[in-house]
PDB file of all heavy atoms in Angstrom:
ATOM      1  N   PRO A   1     -45.970 -58.229-187.964  1.00  0.00           N
ATOM      2  CA  PRO A   1     -45.540 -58.978-186.777  1.00  0.00           C
ATOM      3  C   PRO A   1     -44.274 -58.393-186.172  1.00  0.00           C
ATOM      4  O   PRO A   1     -43.285 -58.154-186.873  1.00  0.00           O
ATOM      5  CB  PRO A   1     -45.295 -60.388-187.321  1.00  0.00           C
ATOM      6  CG  PRO A   1     -46.167 -60.491-188.512  1.00  0.00           C
ATOM      7  CD  PRO A   1     -46.184 -59.120-189.125  1.00  0.00           C
ATOM      8  N   GLY A   2     -44.306 -58.128-184.880  1.00  0.00           N
ATOM      9  CA  GLY A   2     -43.144 -57.614-184.186  1.00  0.00           C
ATOM     10  C   GLY A   2     -42.852 -56.150-184.404  1.00  0.00           C
ATOM     11  O   GLY A   2     -41.823 -55.650-183.942  1.00  0.00           O
ATOM     12  N   LYS A   3     -43.744 -55.465-185.092  1.00  0.00           N
ATOM     13  CA  LYS A   3     -43.525 -54.038-185.379  1.00  0.00           C
ATOM     14  C   LYS A   3     -44.673 -53.190-184.831  1.00  0.00           C
ATOM     15  O   LYS A   3     -45.754 -53.697-184.535  1.00  0.00           O
ATOM     16  CB  LYS A   3     -43.378 -53.815-186.880  1.00  0.00           C
ATOM     17  CG  LYS A   3     -42.148 -54.473-187.479  1.00  0.00           C
ATOM     18  CD  LYS A   3     -41.953 -54.052-188.925  1.00  0.00           C
ATOM     19  CE  LYS A   3     -40.691 -54.646-189.504  1.00  0.00           C
ATOM     20  NZ  LYS A   3     -40.461 -54.208-190.915  1.00  0.00           N
ATOM     21  N   GLN A   4     -44.420 -51.898-184.750  1.00  0.00           N
ATOM     22  CA  GLN A   4     -45.452 -50.979-184.293  1.00  0.00           C
ATOM     23  C   GLN A   4     -46.435 -50.694-185.419  1.00  0.00           C
ATOM     24  O   GLN A   4     -46.106 -50.800-186.609  1.00  0.00           O
ATOM     25  CB  GLN A   4     -44.812 -49.672-183.816  1.00  0.00           C
ATOM     26  CG  GLN A   4     -44.023 -49.817-182.525  1.00  0.00           C
ATOM     27  CD  GLN A   4     -43.551 -48.478-181.978  1.00  0.00           C
ATOM     28  OE1 GLN A   4     -43.341 -47.540-182.738  1.00  0.00           O
ATOM     29  NE2 GLN A   4     -43.404 -48.387-180.673  1.00  0.00           N
ATOM     30  N   ARG A   5     -47.628 -50.310-185.025  1.00  0.00           N
ATOM     31  CA  ARG A   5     -48.619 -49.915-186.011  1.00  0.00           C
ATOM     32  C   ARG A   5     -48.169 -48.630-186.680  1.00  0.00           C
ATOM     33  O   ARG A   5     -47.655 -47.717-186.016  1.00  0.00           O
ATOM     34  CB  ARG A   5     -49.978 -49.723-185.333  1.00  0.00           C
ATOM     35  CG  ARG A   5     -51.142 -49.615-186.285  1.00  0.00           C
ATOM     36  CD  ARG A   5     -52.468 -49.611-185.549  1.00  0.00           C
ATOM     37  NE  ARG A   5     -52.682 -50.869-184.826  1.00  0.00           N
ATOM     38  CZ  ARG A   5     -53.822 -51.178-184.219  1.00  0.00           C
ATOM     39  NH1 ARG A   5     -54.842 -50.329-184.245  1.00  0.00           N
ATOM     40  NH2 ARG A   5     -53.938 -52.317-183.585  1.00  0.00           N
ATOM     41  N   GLU A   6     -48.361 -48.571-187.994  1.00  0.00           N
ATOM     42  CA  GLU A   6     -47.893 -47.407-188.735  1.00  0.00           C
ATOM     43  C   GLU A   6     -48.965 -46.910-189.699  1.00  0.00           C
ATOM     44  O   GLU A   6     -49.813 -47.682-190.159  1.00  0.00           O
ATOM     45  CB  GLU A   6     -46.622 -47.750-189.536  1.00  0.00           C
ATOM     46  CG  GLU A   6     -46.819 -48.812-190.589  1.00  0.00           C
ATOM     47  CD  GLU A   6     -45.559 -49.065-191.416  1.00  0.00           C
ATOM     48  OE1 GLU A   6     -44.518 -48.426-191.155  1.00  0.00           O
ATOM     49  OE2 GLU A   6     -45.639 -49.896-192.330  1.00  0.00           O
ATOM     50  N   LEU A   7     -48.869 -45.639-190.006  1.00  0.00           N
ATOM     51  CA  LEU A   7     -49.779 -45.035-190.974  1.00  0.00           C
ATOM     52  C   LEU A   7     -49.491 -45.576-192.365  1.00  0.00           C
ATOM     53  O   LEU A   7     -48.330 -45.689-192.762  1.00  0.00           O
ATOM     54  CB  LEU A   7     -49.604 -43.521-190.978  1.00  0.00           C
ATOM     55  CG  LEU A   7     -50.288 -42.766-192.108  1.00  0.00           C
ATOM     56  CD1 LEU A   7     -51.793 -42.763-191.923  1.00  0.00           C
ATOM     57  CD2 LEU A   7     -49.753 -41.345-192.221  1.00  0.00           C
ATOM     58  N   VAL A   8     -50.549 -45.886-193.098  1.00  0.00           N
ATOM     59  CA  VAL A   8     -50.408 -46.254-194.501  1.00  0.00           C
ATOM     60  C   VAL A   8     -50.900 -45.099-195.370  1.00  0.00           C
ATOM     61  O   VAL A   8     -50.176 -44.595-196.228  1.00  0.00           O
ATOM     62  CB  VAL A   8     -51.199 -47.534-194.832  1.00  0.00           C
ATOM     63  CG1 VAL A   8     -51.115 -47.845-196.323  1.00  0.00           C
ATOM     64  CG2 VAL A   8     -50.685 -48.709-194.012  1.00  0.00           C
ATOM     65  N   ALA A   9     -52.129 -44.673-195.140  1.00  0.00           N
ATOM     66  CA  ALA A   9     -52.704 -43.589-195.921  1.00  0.00           C
ATOM     67  C   ALA A   9     -53.902 -43.020-195.194  1.00  0.00           C
ATOM     68  O   ALA A   9     -54.640 -43.757-194.533  1.00  0.00           O
ATOM     69  CB  ALA A   9     -53.125 -44.088-197.305  1.00  0.00           C
ATOM     70  N   ILE A  10     -54.091 -41.703-195.313  1.00  0.00           N
ATOM     71  CA  ILE A  10     -55.269 -41.068-194.748  1.00  0.00           C
ATOM     72  C   ILE A  10     -55.843 -40.091-195.756  1.00  0.00           C
ATOM     73  O   ILE A  10     -55.136 -39.601-196.632  1.00  0.00           O
ATOM     74  CB  ILE A  10     -54.987 -40.337-193.421  1.00  0.00           C
ATOM     75  CG1 ILE A  10     -53.923 -39.251-193.606  1.00  0.00           C
ATOM     76  CG2 ILE A  10     -54.621 -41.314-192.325  1.00  0.00           C
ATOM     77  CD1 ILE A  10     -53.779 -38.363-192.405  1.00  0.00           C
ATOM     78  N   MET A  11     -57.137 -39.821-195.591  1.00  0.00           N
ATOM     79  CA  MET A  11     -57.811 -38.862-196.442  1.00  0.00           C
ATOM     80  C   MET A  11     -58.708 -37.992-195.569  1.00  0.00           C
ATOM     81  O   MET A  11     -59.454 -38.499-194.736  1.00  0.00           O
ATOM     82  CB  MET A  11     -58.637 -39.559-197.523  1.00  0.00           C
ATOM     83  CG  MET A  11     -59.470 -38.619-198.368  1.00  0.00           C
ATOM     84  SD  MET A  11     -60.341 -39.443-199.712  1.00  0.00           S
ATOM     85  CE  MET A  11     -59.064 -39.433-200.957  1.00  0.00           C
ATOM     86  N   VAL A  12     -58.626 -36.693-195.804  1.00  0.00           N
ATOM     87  CA  VAL A  12     -59.450 -35.730-195.091  1.00  0.00           C
ATOM     88  C   VAL A  12     -60.636 -35.369-195.972  1.00  0.00           C
ATOM     89  O   VAL A  12     -60.597 -35.576-197.196  1.00  0.00           O
ATOM     90  CB  VAL A  12     -58.623 -34.472-194.741  1.00  0.00           C
ATOM     91  CG1 VAL A  12     -59.449 -33.514-193.882  1.00  0.00           C
ATOM     92  CG2 VAL A  12     -57.364 -34.873-193.995  1.00  0.00           C
ATOM     93  N   ASN A  13     -61.672 -34.819-195.362  1.00  0.00           N
ATOM     94  CA  ASN A  13     -62.888 -34.498-196.112  1.00  0.00           C
ATOM     95  C   ASN A  13     -62.648 -33.559-197.284  1.00  0.00           C
ATOM     96  O   ASN A  13     -63.400 -33.581-198.260  1.00  0.00           O
ATOM     97  CB  ASN A  13     -63.933 -33.886-195.183  1.00  0.00           C
ATOM     98  CG  ASN A  13     -64.760 -34.954-194.505  1.00  0.00           C
ATOM     99  OD1 ASN A  13     -64.523 -36.136-194.688  1.00  0.00           O
ATOM    100  ND2 ASN A  13     -65.732 -34.540-193.734  1.00  0.00           N
ATOM    101  N   ASP A  14     -61.612 -32.729-197.202  1.00  0.00           N
ATOM    102  CA  ASP A  14     -61.347 -31.810-198.317  1.00  0.00           C
ATOM    103  C   ASP A  14     -60.668 -32.507-199.490  1.00  0.00           C
ATOM    104  O   ASP A  14     -60.351 -31.866-200.498  1.00  0.00           O
ATOM    105  CB  ASP A  14     -60.514 -30.615-197.850  1.00  0.00           C
ATOM    106  CG  ASP A  14     -59.125 -31.019-197.365  1.00  0.00           C
ATOM    107  OD1 ASP A  14     -58.778 -32.217-197.438  1.00  0.00           O
ATOM    108  OD2 ASP A  14     -58.390 -30.134-196.899  1.00  0.00           O
ATOM    109  N   GLY A  15     -60.445 -33.788-199.339  1.00  0.00           N
ATOM    110  CA  GLY A  15     -59.837 -34.559-200.416  1.00  0.00           C
ATOM    111  C   GLY A  15     -58.334 -34.716-200.320  1.00  0.00           C
ATOM    112  O   GLY A  15     -57.725 -35.461-201.101  1.00  0.00           O
ATOM    113  N   SER A  16     -57.727 -34.029-199.394  1.00  0.00           N
ATOM    114  CA  SER A  16     -56.276 -34.145-199.253  1.00  0.00           C
ATOM    115  C   SER A  16     -55.920 -35.522-198.694  1.00  0.00           C
ATOM    116  O   SER A  16     -56.684 -36.120-197.940  1.00  0.00           O
ATOM    117  CB  SER A  16     -55.729 -33.042-198.346  1.00  0.00           C
ATOM    118  OG  SER A  16     -56.310 -33.122-197.061  1.00  0.00           O
ATOM    119  N   THR A  17     -54.759 -35.993-199.105  1.00  0.00           N
ATOM    120  CA  THR A  17     -54.304 -37.324-198.706  1.00  0.00           C
ATOM    121  C   THR A  17     -52.864 -37.270-198.204  1.00  0.00           C
ATOM    122  O   THR A  17     -52.108 -36.344-198.507  1.00  0.00           O
ATOM    123  CB  THR A  17     -54.384 -38.315-199.876  1.00  0.00           C
ATOM    124  OG1 THR A  17     -53.585 -37.823-200.964  1.00  0.00           O
ATOM    125  CG2 THR A  17     -55.815 -38.486-200.358  1.00  0.00           C
ATOM    126  N   ASN A  18     -52.521 -38.295-197.472  1.00  0.00           N
ATOM    127  CA  ASN A  18     -51.144 -38.438-197.013  1.00  0.00           C
ATOM    128  C   ASN A  18     -50.811 -39.919-197.040  1.00  0.00           C
ATOM    129  O   ASN A  18     -51.627 -40.746-196.611  1.00  0.00           O
ATOM    130  CB  ASN A  18     -50.987 -37.878-195.596  1.00  0.00           C
ATOM    131  CG  ASN A  18     -49.535 -37.850-195.165  1.00  0.00           C
ATOM    132  OD1 ASN A  18     -48.643 -37.654-195.974  1.00  0.00           O
ATOM    133  ND2 ASN A  18     -49.296 -38.041-193.880  1.00  0.00           N
ATOM    134  N   TYR A  19     -49.640 -40.249-197.555  1.00  0.00           N
ATOM    135  CA  TYR A  19     -49.224 -41.637-197.674  1.00  0.00           C
ATOM    136  C   TYR A  19     -47.873 -41.873-196.998  1.00  0.00           C
ATOM    137  O   TYR A  19     -47.018 -40.990-196.977  1.00  0.00           O
ATOM    138  CB  TYR A  19     -49.072 -42.028-199.151  1.00  0.00           C
ATOM    139  CG  TYR A  19     -50.338 -42.051-199.943  1.00  0.00           C
ATOM    140  CD1 TYR A  19     -50.787 -40.923-200.624  1.00  0.00           C
ATOM    141  CD2 TYR A  19     -51.103 -43.218-200.030  1.00  0.00           C
ATOM    142  CE1 TYR A  19     -51.959 -40.954-201.364  1.00  0.00           C
ATOM    143  CE2 TYR A  19     -52.274 -43.255-200.776  1.00  0.00           C
ATOM    144  CZ  TYR A  19     -52.691 -42.122-201.430  1.00  0.00           C
ATOM    145  OH  TYR A  19     -53.845 -42.160-202.166  1.00  0.00           O
ATOM    146  N   ALA A  20     -47.698 -43.076-196.511  1.00  0.00           N
ATOM    147  CA  ALA A  20     -46.375 -43.478-196.059  1.00  0.00           C
ATOM    148  C   ALA A  20     -45.452 -43.542-197.270  1.00  0.00           C
ATOM    149  O   ALA A  20     -45.881 -43.925-198.370  1.00  0.00           O
ATOM    150  CB  ALA A  20     -46.438 -44.842-195.387  1.00  0.00           C
ATOM    151  N   ASP A  21     -44.203 -43.164-197.078  1.00  0.00           N
ATOM    152  CA  ASP A  21     -43.258 -43.180-198.200  1.00  0.00           C
ATOM    153  C   ASP A  21     -43.167 -44.571-198.832  1.00  0.00           C
ATOM    154  O   ASP A  21     -42.992 -44.698-200.048  1.00  0.00           O
ATOM    155  CB  ASP A  21     -41.870 -42.749-197.718  1.00  0.00           C
ATOM    156  CG  ASP A  21     -41.799 -41.265-197.416  1.00  0.00           C
ATOM    157  OD1 ASP A  21     -42.680 -40.514-197.881  1.00  0.00           O
ATOM    158  OD2 ASP A  21     -40.854 -40.859-196.712  1.00  0.00           O
ATOM    159  N   SER A  22     -43.303 -45.588-198.017  1.00  0.00           N
ATOM    160  CA  SER A  22     -43.124 -46.959-198.505  1.00  0.00           C
ATOM    161  C   SER A  22     -44.229 -47.410-199.456  1.00  0.00           C
ATOM    162  O   SER A  22     -44.053 -48.412-200.164  1.00  0.00           O
ATOM    163  CB  SER A  22     -43.042 -47.924-197.327  1.00  0.00           C
ATOM    164  OG  SER A  22     -44.227 -47.870-196.551  1.00  0.00           O
ATOM    165  N   VAL A  23     -45.342 -46.691-199.475  1.00  0.00           N
ATOM    166  CA  VAL A  23     -46.457 -47.119-200.340  1.00  0.00           C
ATOM    167  C   VAL A  23     -46.775 -46.114-201.438  1.00  0.00           C
ATOM    168  O   VAL A  23     -47.635 -46.384-202.281  1.00  0.00           O
ATOM    169  CB  VAL A  23     -47.723 -47.405-199.512  1.00  0.00           C
ATOM    170  CG1 VAL A  23     -47.429 -48.394-198.396  1.00  0.00           C
ATOM    171  CG2 VAL A  23     -48.353 -46.138-198.968  1.00  0.00           C
ATOM    172  N   LYS A  24     -46.126 -44.965-201.425  1.00  0.00           N
ATOM    173  CA  LYS A  24     -46.399 -43.955-202.442  1.00  0.00           C
ATOM    174  C   LYS A  24     -46.181 -44.514-203.841  1.00  0.00           C
ATOM    175  O   LYS A  24     -45.190 -45.186-204.103  1.00  0.00           O
ATOM    176  CB  LYS A  24     -45.502 -42.738-202.232  1.00  0.00           C
ATOM    177  CG  LYS A  24     -45.922 -41.847-201.075  1.00  0.00           C
ATOM    178  CD  LYS A  24     -44.990 -40.661-200.924  1.00  0.00           C
ATOM    179  CE  LYS A  24     -45.415 -39.792-199.747  1.00  0.00           C
ATOM    180  NZ  LYS A  24     -44.485 -38.671-199.525  1.00  0.00           N
ATOM    181  N   GLY A  25     -47.148 -44.237-204.701  1.00  0.00           N
ATOM    182  CA  GLY A  25     -47.062 -44.724-206.067  1.00  0.00           C
ATOM    183  C   GLY A  25     -47.614 -46.122-206.251  1.00  0.00           C
ATOM    184  O   GLY A  25     -47.795 -46.576-207.380  1.00  0.00           O
ATOM    185  N   ARG A  26     -47.874 -46.817-205.168  1.00  0.00           N
ATOM    186  CA  ARG A  26     -48.416 -48.183-205.266  1.00  0.00           C
ATOM    187  C   ARG A  26     -49.818 -48.283-204.661  1.00  0.00           C
ATOM    188  O   ARG A  26     -50.639 -49.056-205.150  1.00  0.00           O
ATOM    189  CB  ARG A  26     -47.496 -49.162-204.531  1.00  0.00           C
ATOM    190  CG  ARG A  26     -46.091 -49.222-205.091  1.00  0.00           C
ATOM    191  CD  ARG A  26     -45.285 -50.355-204.458  1.00  0.00           C
ATOM    192  NE  ARG A  26     -45.126 -50.198-203.011  1.00  0.00           N
ATOM    193  CZ  ARG A  26     -45.529 -51.090-202.120  1.00  0.00           C
ATOM    194  NH1 ARG A  26     -46.124 -52.199-202.507  1.00  0.00           N
ATOM    195  NH2 ARG A  26     -45.329 -50.874-200.827  1.00  0.00           N
ATOM    196  N   PHE A  27     -50.074 -47.526-203.616  1.00  0.00           N
ATOM    197  CA  PHE A  27     -51.367 -47.579-202.929  1.00  0.00           C
ATOM    198  C   PHE A  27     -52.143 -46.289-203.204  1.00  0.00           C
ATOM    199  O   PHE A  27     -51.554 -45.208-203.318  1.00  0.00           O
ATOM    200  CB  PHE A  27     -51.185 -47.714-201.417  1.00  0.00           C
ATOM    201  CG  PHE A  27     -50.633 -49.043-200.954  1.00  0.00           C
ATOM    202  CD1 PHE A  27     -50.110 -49.977-201.846  1.00  0.00           C
ATOM    203  CD2 PHE A  27     -50.640 -49.360-199.607  1.00  0.00           C
ATOM    204  CE1 PHE A  27     -49.600 -51.190-201.413  1.00  0.00           C
ATOM    205  CE2 PHE A  27     -50.136 -50.570-199.145  1.00  0.00           C
ATOM    206  CZ  PHE A  27     -49.613 -51.486-200.057  1.00  0.00           C
ATOM    207  N   THR A  28     -53.455 -46.425-203.231  1.00  0.00           N
ATOM    208  CA  THR A  28     -54.323 -45.259-203.411  1.00  0.00           C
ATOM    209  C   THR A  28     -55.487 -45.363-202.438  1.00  0.00           C
ATOM    210  O   THR A  28     -56.156 -46.394-202.376  1.00  0.00           O
ATOM    211  CB  THR A  28     -54.857 -45.178-204.841  1.00  0.00           C
ATOM    212  OG1 THR A  28     -53.763 -45.106-205.762  1.00  0.00           O
ATOM    213  CG2 THR A  28     -55.728 -43.938-205.014  1.00  0.00           C
ATOM    214  N   ILE A  29     -55.727 -44.268-201.727  1.00  0.00           N
ATOM    215  CA  ILE A  29     -56.866 -44.221-200.825  1.00  0.00           C
ATOM    216  C   ILE A  29     -57.961 -43.385-201.475  1.00  0.00           C
ATOM    217  O   ILE A  29     -57.681 -42.377-202.134  1.00  0.00           O
ATOM    218  CB  ILE A  29     -56.475 -43.633-199.449  1.00  0.00           C
ATOM    219  CG1 ILE A  29     -57.637 -43.762-198.463  1.00  0.00           C
ATOM    220  CG2 ILE A  29     -56.000 -42.193-199.564  1.00  0.00           C
ATOM    221  CD1 ILE A  29     -57.248 -43.421-197.014  1.00  0.00           C
ATOM    222  N   SER A  30     -59.195 -43.820-201.313  1.00  0.00           N
ATOM    223  CA  SER A  30     -60.293 -43.054-201.886  1.00  0.00           C
ATOM    224  C   SER A  30     -61.542 -43.238-201.044  1.00  0.00           C
ATOM    225  O   SER A  30     -61.702 -44.250-200.353  1.00  0.00           O
ATOM    226  CB  SER A  30     -60.560 -43.467-203.338  1.00  0.00           C
ATOM    227  OG  SER A  30     -61.059 -44.795-203.388  1.00  0.00           O
ATOM    228  N   ARG A  31     -62.422 -42.239-201.111  1.00  0.00           N
ATOM    229  CA  ARG A  31     -63.708 -42.323-200.429  1.00  0.00           C
ATOM    230  C   ARG A  31     -64.734 -42.875-201.405  1.00  0.00           C
ATOM    231  O   ARG A  31     -64.700 -42.589-202.605  1.00  0.00           O
ATOM    232  CB  ARG A  31     -64.150 -40.950-199.940  1.00  0.00           C
ATOM    233  CG  ARG A  31     -63.281 -40.329-198.876  1.00  0.00           C
ATOM    234  CD  ARG A  31     -63.443 -40.950-197.530  1.00  0.00           C
ATOM    235  NE  ARG A  31     -64.681 -40.629-196.886  1.00  0.00           N
ATOM    236  CZ  ARG A  31     -64.837 -39.663-195.983  1.00  0.00           C
ATOM    237  NH1 ARG A  31     -63.818 -38.899-195.651  1.00  0.00           N
ATOM    238  NH2 ARG A  31     -66.001 -39.471-195.405  1.00  0.00           N
ATOM    239  N   GLY A  32     -65.670 -43.649-200.900  1.00  0.00           N
ATOM    240  CA  GLY A  32     -66.721 -44.183-201.738  1.00  0.00           C
ATOM    241  C   GLY A  32     -67.834 -43.174-201.959  1.00  0.00           C
ATOM    242  O   GLY A  32     -67.837 -42.091-201.381  1.00  0.00           O
ATOM    243  N   ASP A  33     -68.757 -43.535-202.824  1.00  0.00           N
ATOM    244  CA  ASP A  33     -69.913 -42.690-203.063  1.00  0.00           C
ATOM    245  C   ASP A  33     -70.697 -42.490-201.772  1.00  0.00           C
ATOM    246  O   ASP A  33     -71.241 -41.404-201.521  1.00  0.00           O
ATOM    247  CB  ASP A  33     -70.810 -43.295-204.140  1.00  0.00           C
ATOM    248  CG  ASP A  33     -70.150 -43.249-205.501  1.00  0.00           C
ATOM    249  OD1 ASP A  33     -69.257 -42.400-205.692  1.00  0.00           O
ATOM    250  OD2 ASP A  33     -70.521 -44.050-206.376  1.00  0.00           O
ATOM    251  N   ALA A  34     -70.773 -43.549-200.978  1.00  0.00           N
ATOM    252  CA  ALA A  34     -71.312 -43.414-199.627  1.00  0.00           C
ATOM    253  C   ALA A  34     -70.186 -42.806-198.809  1.00  0.00           C
ATOM    254  O   ALA A  34     -69.128 -43.411-198.652  1.00  0.00           O
ATOM    255  CB  ALA A  34     -71.697 -44.776-199.071  1.00  0.00           C
ATOM    256  N   LYS A  35     -70.382 -41.608-198.295  1.00  0.00           N
ATOM    257  CA  LYS A  35     -69.272 -40.852-197.738  1.00  0.00           C
ATOM    258  C   LYS A  35     -68.530 -41.575-196.641  1.00  0.00           C
ATOM    259  O   LYS A  35     -67.344 -41.369-196.442  1.00  0.00           O
ATOM    260  CB  LYS A  35     -69.788 -39.506-197.231  1.00  0.00           C
ATOM    261  CG  LYS A  35     -70.144 -38.537-198.338  1.00  0.00           C
ATOM    262  CD  LYS A  35     -70.464 -37.166-197.796  1.00  0.00           C
ATOM    263  CE  LYS A  35     -70.749 -36.195-198.925  1.00  0.00           C
ATOM    264  NZ  LYS A  35     -71.051 -34.843-198.404  1.00  0.00           N
ATOM    265  N   ASN A  36     -69.181 -42.398-195.904  1.00  0.00           N
ATOM    266  CA  ASN A  36     -68.517 -43.066-194.787  1.00  0.00           C
ATOM    267  C   ASN A  36     -67.921 -44.408-195.187  1.00  0.00           C
ATOM    268  O   ASN A  36     -67.863 -45.338-194.396  1.00  0.00           O
ATOM    269  CB  ASN A  36     -69.487 -43.219-193.625  1.00  0.00           C
ATOM    270  CG  ASN A  36     -69.744 -41.908-192.932  1.00  0.00           C
ATOM    271  OD1 ASN A  36     -69.046 -40.930-193.172  1.00  0.00           O
ATOM    272  ND2 ASN A  36     -70.750 -41.859-192.090  1.00  0.00           N
ATOM    273  N   THR A  37     -67.478 -44.465-196.435  1.00  0.00           N
ATOM    274  CA  THR A  37     -66.786 -45.644-196.929  1.00  0.00           C
ATOM    275  C   THR A  37     -65.439 -45.219-197.473  1.00  0.00           C
ATOM    276  O   THR A  37     -65.339 -44.218-198.168  1.00  0.00           O
ATOM    277  CB  THR A  37     -67.594 -46.332-198.041  1.00  0.00           C
ATOM    278  OG1 THR A  37     -68.874 -46.706-197.543  1.00  0.00           O
ATOM    279  CG2 THR A  37     -66.874 -47.579-198.531  1.00  0.00           C
ATOM    280  N   VAL A  38     -64.423 -45.972-197.154  1.00  0.00           N
ATOM    281  CA  VAL A  38     -63.091 -45.660-197.647  1.00  0.00           C
ATOM    282  C   VAL A  38     -62.450 -46.939-198.192  1.00  0.00           C
ATOM    283  O   VAL A  38     -62.673 -48.030-197.671  1.00  0.00           O
ATOM    284  CB  VAL A  38     -62.203 -45.045-196.542  1.00  0.00           C
ATOM    285  CG1 VAL A  38     -61.950 -46.024-195.417  1.00  0.00           C
ATOM    286  CG2 VAL A  38     -60.902 -44.524-197.113  1.00  0.00           C
ATOM    287  N   TYR A  39     -61.708 -46.769-199.268  1.00  0.00           N
ATOM    288  CA  TYR A  39     -61.046 -47.889-199.911  1.00  0.00           C
ATOM    289  C   TYR A  39     -59.532 -47.678-199.908  1.00  0.00           C
ATOM    290  O   TYR A  39     -59.051 -46.545-199.908  1.00  0.00           O
ATOM    291  CB  TYR A  39     -61.513 -48.040-201.354  1.00  0.00           C
ATOM    292  CG  TYR A  39     -62.987 -48.245-201.501  1.00  0.00           C
ATOM    293  CD1 TYR A  39     -63.817 -47.191-201.884  1.00  0.00           C
ATOM    294  CD2 TYR A  39     -63.559 -49.494-201.268  1.00  0.00           C
ATOM    295  CE1 TYR A  39     -65.180 -47.380-202.017  1.00  0.00           C
ATOM    296  CE2 TYR A  39     -64.927 -49.683-201.401  1.00  0.00           C
ATOM    297  CZ  TYR A  39     -65.728 -48.620-201.776  1.00  0.00           C
ATOM    298  OH  TYR A  39     -67.080 -48.811-201.908  1.00  0.00           O
ATOM    299  N   LEU A  40     -58.815 -48.774-199.929  1.00  0.00           N
ATOM    300  CA  LEU A  40     -57.375 -48.735-200.131  1.00  0.00           C
ATOM    301  C   LEU A  40     -57.057 -49.686-201.265  1.00  0.00           C
ATOM    302  O   LEU A  40     -57.202 -50.906-201.139  1.00  0.00           O
ATOM    303  CB  LEU A  40     -56.615 -49.138-198.867  1.00  0.00           C
ATOM    304  CG  LEU A  40     -55.098 -49.018-198.966  1.00  0.00           C
ATOM    305  CD1 LEU A  40     -54.687 -47.539-199.066  1.00  0.00           C
ATOM    306  CD2 LEU A  40     -54.416 -49.668-197.761  1.00  0.00           C
ATOM    307  N   TYR A  41     -56.643 -49.104-202.387  1.00  0.00           N
ATOM    308  CA  TYR A  41     -56.240 -49.890-203.532  1.00  0.00           C
ATOM    309  C   TYR A  41     -54.743 -50.131-203.423  1.00  0.00           C
ATOM    310  O   TYR A  41     -53.963 -49.178-203.379  1.00  0.00           O
ATOM    311  CB  TYR A  41     -56.557 -49.165-204.832  1.00  0.00           C
ATOM    312  CG  TYR A  41     -58.031 -48.973-205.067  1.00  0.00           C
ATOM    313  CD1 TYR A  41     -58.707 -47.875-204.541  1.00  0.00           C
ATOM    314  CD2 TYR A  41     -58.758 -49.896-205.814  1.00  0.00           C
ATOM    315  CE1 TYR A  41     -60.062 -47.704-204.754  1.00  0.00           C
ATOM    316  CE2 TYR A  41     -60.121 -49.724-206.037  1.00  0.00           C
ATOM    317  CZ  TYR A  41     -60.761 -48.630-205.503  1.00  0.00           C
ATOM    318  OH  TYR A  41     -62.108 -48.466-205.710  1.00  0.00           O
ATOM    319  N   MET A  42     -54.379 -51.386-203.383  1.00  0.00           N
ATOM    320  CA  MET A  42     -52.972 -51.749-203.190  1.00  0.00           C
ATOM    321  C   MET A  42     -52.473 -52.500-204.422  1.00  0.00           C
ATOM    322  O   MET A  42     -52.980 -53.573-204.739  1.00  0.00           O
ATOM    323  CB  MET A  42     -52.821 -52.616-201.941  1.00  0.00           C
ATOM    324  CG  MET A  42     -53.373 -51.975-200.680  1.00  0.00           C
ATOM    325  SD  MET A  42     -53.053 -52.931-199.187  1.00  0.00           S
ATOM    326  CE  MET A  42     -54.014 -54.394-199.514  1.00  0.00           C
ATOM    327  N   ASN A  43     -51.510 -51.914-205.097  1.00  0.00           N
ATOM    328  CA  ASN A  43     -50.925 -52.518-206.282  1.00  0.00           C
ATOM    329  C   ASN A  43     -49.446 -52.800-206.050  1.00  0.00           C
ATOM    330  O   ASN A  43     -48.834 -52.261-205.132  1.00  0.00           O
ATOM    331  CB  ASN A  43     -51.090 -51.591-207.483  1.00  0.00           C
ATOM    332  CG  ASN A  43     -52.540 -51.349-207.828  1.00  0.00           C
ATOM    333  OD1 ASN A  43     -53.346 -52.278-207.872  1.00  0.00           O
ATOM    334  ND2 ASN A  43     -52.895 -50.090-208.061  1.00  0.00           N
TER     335      ASN A  43
END
């Protein structure tokens, strides 16, 4: 609320990922077995 939209995590087809500093070590992005599915695990 009241803030701009920001990147949390992205994954490219080659498997490379990028995370916001604020979530590194806590969040994990992964692709599902169905390639067009993506998950964000937030701990």
